[in-house]
Amino acid sequence: MRTDNAGFWEFHILGTHVKPKINLKRLSFYKGFGELDTHYCLYTKEHLINHFKRLKLKIESIEFIDFDRKKENLGKYRPFLNLISYFLRLFKIFENLSYPRIKIVGRK
């Protein structure tokens, strides 16, 4: 399973998935995609671990992953935003803040 990371700094500061903490008039809020939208909830690594344990699924792997640059329109500010994420990734304590996606694999 792959999902957006609720802890990713850009989602909070820039307001792509939540109401932004700062007023940025040029950015729009996440509006969804009608019936095709499956963003019911955003999860952190800890949320996913708890869900898998509750369902008695054995976690085979869990990792933070970056945007898929080939499939996603990342905009002209992406190099600057990537630089911020790069510096956060230098410190393990900020790992949850620095990756936009989480991938978890489990089995019964």
Protein backbone atom coordinates (compact mmCIF):
# COMPACT_ATOMS: atom_id res chain seq x y z
CA MET A 1 0.00 0.00 0.00
CA ARG A 2 1.24 3.48 -0.81
CA THR A 3 -0.32 6.59 0.71
CA ASP A 4 0.41 10.26 1.24
CA ASN A 5 2.36 10.97 4.41
CA ALA A 6 0.35 13.09 6.86
CA GLY A 7 3.59 14.34 8.40
CA PHE A 8 5.12 15.76 5.18
CA TRP A 9 5.99 19.41 5.74
CA GLU A 10 4.77 20.68 2.34
CA PHE A 11 1.24 19.38 2.87
CA HIS A 12 0.93 21.54 5.98
CA ILE A 13 2.87 24.67 5.06
CA LEU A 14 1.71 24.97 1.44
CA GLY A 15 -1.81 23.71 2.05
CA THR A 16 -1.97 21.07 -0.65
CA HIS A 17 -3.83 18.59 1.58
CA VAL A 18 -4.81 20.74 4.54
CA LYS A 19 -5.55 24.39 5.26
CA PRO A 20 -2.20 26.20 5.16
CA LYS A 21 -0.70 27.78 8.27
CA ILE A 22 0.31 30.84 6.25
CA ASN A 23 -1.68 32.87 3.72
CA LEU A 24 -0.49 32.02 0.22
CA LYS A 25 -2.99 33.51 -2.23
CA ARG A 26 -1.46 31.85 -5.30
CA LEU A 27 -1.86 28.32 -3.96
CA SER A 28 -5.18 26.52 -4.02
CA PHE A 29 -6.52 24.09 -1.45
CA TYR A 30 -6.89 20.41 -2.20
CA LYS A 31 -10.28 20.10 -3.92
CA GLY A 32 -10.41 16.39 -4.68
CA PHE A 33 -11.23 14.59 -7.89
CA GLY A 34 -14.83 13.52 -7.44
CA GLU A 35 -15.55 9.79 -7.49
CA LEU A 36 -11.96 8.98 -8.43
CA ASP A 37 -10.57 10.62 -5.29
CA THR A 38 -9.46 8.09 -2.70
CA HIS A 39 -7.96 10.56 -0.19
CA TYR A 40 -10.21 9.60 2.71
CA CYS A 41 -7.48 10.12 5.26
CA LEU A 42 -3.77 10.85 5.44
CA TYR A 43 -1.60 8.56 7.54
CA THR A 44 1.70 8.71 9.37
CA LYS A 45 4.06 5.76 9.64
CA GLU A 46 2.77 5.13 13.17
CA HIS A 47 -0.88 5.13 11.99
CA LEU A 48 -0.10 2.49 9.38
CA ILE A 49 1.82 0.31 11.82
CA ASN A 50 -1.09 0.47 14.30
CA HIS A 51 -3.64 -0.41 11.58
CA PHE A 52 -1.61 -3.39 10.38
CA LYS A 53 -1.13 -4.67 13.94
CA ARG A 54 -4.84 -4.32 14.67
CA LEU A 55 -5.66 -6.30 11.54
CA LYS A 56 -3.06 -8.89 12.57
CA LEU A 57 -1.04 -8.31 9.42
CA LYS A 58 2.70 -8.98 9.54
CA ILE A 59 4.62 -5.93 8.32
CA GLU A 60 7.18 -7.05 5.76
CA SER A 61 8.51 -3.57 4.97
CA ILE A 62 7.75 0.07 5.54
CA GLU A 63 9.57 2.96 3.94
CA PHE A 64 9.27 6.63 3.14
CA ILE A 65 9.36 7.38 -0.58
CA ASP A 66 9.68 10.52 -2.68
CA PHE A 67 7.43 11.89 -5.40
CA ASP A 68 7.35 9.93 -8.65
CA ARG A 69 8.90 12.57 -10.89
CA LYS A 70 7.85 10.75 -14.07
CA LYS A 71 4.15 10.63 -13.18
CA GLU A 72 3.48 13.73 -11.11
CA ASN A 73 3.33 17.39 -12.12
CA LEU A 74 5.63 18.87 -9.50
CA GLY A 75 5.74 22.50 -10.59
CA LYS A 76 8.50 25.03 -11.20
CA TYR A 77 9.34 25.45 -7.49
CA ARG A 78 10.18 21.76 -7.06
CA PRO A 79 14.00 22.22 -7.05
CA PHE A 80 13.76 24.69 -4.14
CA LEU A 81 11.27 22.52 -2.24
CA ASN A 82 13.46 19.45 -2.83
CA LEU A 83 16.39 21.32 -1.30
CA ILE A 84 14.43 21.88 1.92
CA SER A 85 13.45 18.20 2.03
CA TYR A 86 17.06 17.21 1.34
CA PHE A 87 18.28 19.13 4.39
CA LEU A 88 15.55 17.63 6.57
CA ARG A 89 16.61 14.15 5.43
CA LEU A 90 20.11 14.71 6.78
CA PHE A 91 18.66 14.20 10.26
CA LYS A 92 16.88 10.91 11.00
CA ILE A 93 14.61 12.69 13.48
CA PHE A 94 13.04 14.67 10.59
CA GLU A 95 12.51 11.67 8.28
CA ASN A 96 8.72 11.77 8.74
CA LEU A 97 8.65 15.44 7.69
CA SER A 98 10.78 15.07 4.60
CA TYR A 99 9.03 12.43 2.47
CA PRO A 100 5.62 12.84 0.80
CA ARG A 101 4.69 9.16 0.60
CA ILE A 102 4.79 6.05 2.77
CA LYS A 103 4.89 2.53 1.38
CA ILE A 104 3.96 -0.38 3.62
CA VAL A 105 3.84 -4.05 2.67
CA GLY A 106 2.22 -6.67 4.87
CA ARG A 107 0.63 -10.10 4.79
CA LYS A 108 -1.57 -12.37 6.91
